[in-house]
Amino acid sequence: MAQDARERFAKKNEAEDLRRAFDKLDTKGDGKIDAQELREVLLLLRHETKKSEVEDIIWEVDDDSDKCVSWSEFQAMCHRCRVDQTGTASFLVILVQDRPFIFCFSSHFRL
């Protein structure tokens, strides 16, 4: 019983952290992460990328083909990376409330 409560608490905290990470990337506040927003974060992390590279990263998880990553696509991407068994997942680290938050962004493109 206590184990179930701990697991529910951990999942709730993980979901909240995931939402904060998404909101941190969504600098325009429009509910989507576009290539410009992602590229700006990568530049802050001192990772220079071409616009086409960032567009390819987004394309991989963009299920509705709007050239952005929505909240639901972001959740699905993180779930896919969490269960990835191939060892080919790439990870991006951002700070959420001054704590590092690590999540997988792509299973095919190396950052």
C-alpha atoms as a PDB file:
ATOM      1  CA  MET A   1       0.000   0.000   0.000  1.00  0.00           C
ATOM      2  CA  ALA A   2       2.779   2.458   0.941  1.00  0.00           C
ATOM      3  CA  GLN A   3       4.695   1.439  -2.202  1.00  0.00           C
ATOM      4  CA  ASP A   4       1.654   2.302  -4.352  1.00  0.00           C
ATOM      5  CA  ALA A   5       1.397   5.718  -2.706  1.00  0.00           C
ATOM      6  CA  ARG A   6       5.103   6.369  -3.317  1.00  0.00           C
ATOM      7  CA  GLU A   7       4.764   5.360  -6.969  1.00  0.00           C
ATOM      8  CA  ARG A   8       1.732   7.631  -7.450  1.00  0.00           C
ATOM      9  CA  PHE A   9       3.622  10.500  -5.790  1.00  0.00           C
ATOM     10  CA  ALA A  10       6.694   9.899  -7.976  1.00  0.00           C
ATOM     11  CA  LYS A  11       4.569   9.799 -11.148  1.00  0.00           C
ATOM     12  CA  LYS A  12       2.780  13.003 -10.140  1.00  0.00           C
ATOM     13  CA  ASN A  13       6.093  14.759  -9.494  1.00  0.00           C
ATOM     14  CA  GLU A  14       7.509  13.459 -12.765  1.00  0.00           C
ATOM     15  CA  ALA A  15       4.473  14.739 -14.669  1.00  0.00           C
ATOM     16  CA  GLU A  16       4.783  18.146 -13.012  1.00  0.00           C
ATOM     17  CA  ASP A  17       8.512  18.309 -13.810  1.00  0.00           C
ATOM     18  CA  LEU A  18       7.807  17.291 -17.384  1.00  0.00           C
ATOM     19  CA  ARG A  19       5.211  20.068 -17.718  1.00  0.00           C
ATOM     20  CA  ARG A  20       7.649  22.621 -16.281  1.00  0.00           C
ATOM     21  CA  ALA A  21      10.296  21.478 -18.780  1.00  0.00           C
ATOM     22  CA  PHE A  22       7.826  21.851 -21.655  1.00  0.00           C
ATOM     23  CA  ASP A  23       6.803  25.295 -20.446  1.00  0.00           C
ATOM     24  CA  LYS A  24      10.450  26.317 -20.181  1.00  0.00           C
ATOM     25  CA  LEU A  25      11.019  25.317 -23.821  1.00  0.00           C
ATOM     26  CA  ASP A  26       7.769  26.949 -24.958  1.00  0.00           C
ATOM     27  CA  THR A  27       9.110  30.492 -24.631  1.00  0.00           C
ATOM     28  CA  LYS A  28       6.277  31.969 -26.730  1.00  0.00           C
ATOM     29  CA  GLY A  29       3.675  30.431 -24.417  1.00  0.00           C
ATOM     30  CA  ASP A  30       1.553  29.182 -27.300  1.00  0.00           C
ATOM     31  CA  GLY A  31       1.463  25.545 -26.195  1.00  0.00           C
ATOM     32  CA  LYS A  32       3.939  24.411 -28.844  1.00  0.00           C
ATOM     33  CA  ILE A  33       7.713  24.170 -29.205  1.00  0.00           C
ATOM     34  CA  ASP A  34       8.820  25.332 -32.625  1.00  0.00           C
ATOM     35  CA  ALA A  35      12.227  25.168 -34.294  1.00  0.00           C
ATOM     36  CA  GLN A  36      13.160  28.681 -33.186  1.00  0.00           C
ATOM     37  CA  GLU A  37      12.383  27.958 -29.536  1.00  0.00           C
ATOM     38  CA  LEU A  38      14.299  24.693 -29.544  1.00  0.00           C
ATOM     39  CA  ARG A  39      17.250  26.223 -31.356  1.00  0.00           C
ATOM     40  CA  GLU A  40      17.436  29.054 -28.805  1.00  0.00           C
ATOM     41  CA  VAL A  41      17.592  26.543 -25.959  1.00  0.00           C
ATOM     42  CA  LEU A  42      20.284  24.557 -27.741  1.00  0.00           C
ATOM     43  CA  LEU A  43      22.290  27.764 -28.264  1.00  0.00           C
ATOM     44  CA  LEU A  44      21.966  28.560 -24.551  1.00  0.00           C
ATOM     45  CA  LEU A  45      23.444  25.125 -23.924  1.00  0.00           C
ATOM     46  CA  ARG A  46      26.276  26.098 -26.312  1.00  0.00           C
ATOM     47  CA  HIS A  47      25.211  23.591 -28.926  1.00  0.00           C
ATOM     48  CA  GLU A  48      25.221  25.204 -32.365  1.00  0.00           C
ATOM     49  CA  THR A  49      22.763  23.585 -34.727  1.00  0.00           C
ATOM     50  CA  LYS A  50      21.587  24.364 -38.205  1.00  0.00           C
ATOM     51  CA  LYS A  51      17.947  25.266 -38.650  1.00  0.00           C
ATOM     52  CA  SER A  52      17.500  22.140 -40.769  1.00  0.00           C
ATOM     53  CA  GLU A  53      18.893  19.947 -37.957  1.00  0.00           C
ATOM     54  CA  VAL A  54      16.443  21.409 -35.456  1.00  0.00           C
ATOM     55  CA  GLU A  55      13.595  20.975 -37.937  1.00  0.00           C
ATOM     56  CA  ASP A  56      14.599  17.305 -38.349  1.00  0.00           C
ATOM     57  CA  ILE A  57      14.530  16.794 -34.577  1.00  0.00           C
ATOM     58  CA  ILE A  58      11.032  18.257 -34.397  1.00  0.00           C
ATOM     59  CA  TRP A  59       9.879  16.314 -37.478  1.00  0.00           C
ATOM     60  CA  GLU A  60      10.683  13.058 -35.726  1.00  0.00           C
ATOM     61  CA  VAL A  61       8.106  13.640 -32.982  1.00  0.00           C
ATOM     62  CA  ASP A  62       5.667  15.902 -34.843  1.00  0.00           C
ATOM     63  CA  ASP A  63       2.684  13.577 -35.250  1.00  0.00           C
ATOM     64  CA  ASP A  64       0.287  16.203 -36.628  1.00  0.00           C
ATOM     65  CA  SER A  65       2.815  17.719 -39.091  1.00  0.00           C
ATOM     66  CA  ASP A  66       2.460  21.308 -37.835  1.00  0.00           C
ATOM     67  CA  LYS A  67       6.263  21.690 -37.539  1.00  0.00           C
ATOM     68  CA  CYS A  68       5.984  22.075 -33.764  1.00  0.00           C
ATOM     69  CA  VAL A  69       5.983  19.813 -30.731  1.00  0.00           C
ATOM     70  CA  SER A  70       2.719  19.994 -28.792  1.00  0.00           C
ATOM     71  CA  TRP A  71       2.304  19.005 -25.150  1.00  0.00           C
ATOM     72  CA  SER A  72       0.876  15.597 -26.092  1.00  0.00           C
ATOM     73  CA  GLU A  73       3.686  14.973 -28.602  1.00  0.00           C
ATOM     74  CA  PHE A  74       6.227  16.011 -25.958  1.00  0.00           C
ATOM     75  CA  GLN A  75       4.718  13.549 -23.468  1.00  0.00           C
ATOM     76  CA  ALA A  76       4.714  10.750 -26.047  1.00  0.00           C
ATOM     77  CA  MET A  77       8.324  11.508 -27.000  1.00  0.00           C
ATOM     78  CA  CYS A  78       9.456  11.357 -23.379  1.00  0.00           C
ATOM     79  CA  HIS A  79       7.598   8.080 -22.850  1.00  0.00           C
ATOM     80  CA  ARG A  80       9.155   6.534 -25.978  1.00  0.00           C
ATOM     81  CA  CYS A  81      12.610   7.572 -24.847  1.00  0.00           C
ATOM     82  CA  ARG A  82      12.049   6.286 -21.322  1.00  0.00           C
ATOM     83  CA  VAL A  83      11.236   2.829 -22.638  1.00  0.00           C
ATOM     84  CA  ASP A  84      13.896   2.885 -25.381  1.00  0.00           C
ATOM     85  CA  GLN A  85      15.923  -0.320 -25.296  1.00  0.00           C
ATOM     86  CA  THR A  86      18.163   0.455 -28.270  1.00  0.00           C
ATOM     87  CA  GLY A  87      20.553   2.792 -26.478  1.00  0.00           C
ATOM     88  CA  THR A  88      20.294   5.343 -29.288  1.00  0.00           C
ATOM     89  CA  ALA A  89      18.274   7.983 -27.454  1.00  0.00           C
ATOM     90  CA  SER A  90      19.598  11.555 -27.250  1.00  0.00           C
ATOM     91  CA  PHE A  91      19.055  13.632 -24.162  1.00  0.00           C
ATOM     92  CA  LEU A  92      18.641  17.334 -23.525  1.00  0.00           C
ATOM     93  CA  VAL A  93      19.236  18.927 -20.134  1.00  0.00           C
ATOM     94  CA  ILE A  94      17.503  22.134 -19.100  1.00  0.00           C
ATOM     95  CA  LEU A  95      17.064  23.822 -15.758  1.00  0.00           C
ATOM     96  CA  VAL A  96      13.600  23.828 -14.239  1.00  0.00           C
ATOM     97  CA  GLN A  97      13.426  25.927 -11.093  1.00  0.00           C
ATOM     98  CA  ASP A  98      17.228  25.779 -10.880  1.00  0.00           C
ATOM     99  CA  ARG A  99      17.237  21.973 -10.964  1.00  0.00           C
ATOM    100  CA  PRO A 100      18.550  20.050 -13.955  1.00  0.00           C
ATOM    101  CA  PHE A 101      15.831  18.225 -15.834  1.00  0.00           C
ATOM    102  CA  ILE A 102      16.981  15.578 -18.265  1.00  0.00           C
ATOM    103  CA  PHE A 103      14.745  14.278 -20.987  1.00  0.00           C
ATOM    104  CA  CYS A 104      15.113  12.450 -24.218  1.00  0.00           C
ATOM    105  CA  PHE A 105      14.400  14.445 -27.330  1.00  0.00           C
ATOM    106  CA  SER A 106      15.210  12.110 -30.140  1.00  0.00           C
ATOM    107  CA  SER A 107      16.061   8.519 -30.736  1.00  0.00           C
ATOM    108  CA  HIS A 108      17.699   9.072 -34.133  1.00  0.00           C
ATOM    109  CA  PHE A 109      19.373  12.492 -34.074  1.00  0.00           C
ATOM    110  CA  ARG A 110      22.426  13.066 -31.919  1.00  0.00           C
ATOM    111  CA  LEU A 111      22.708  16.440 -30.241  1.00  0.00           C
END
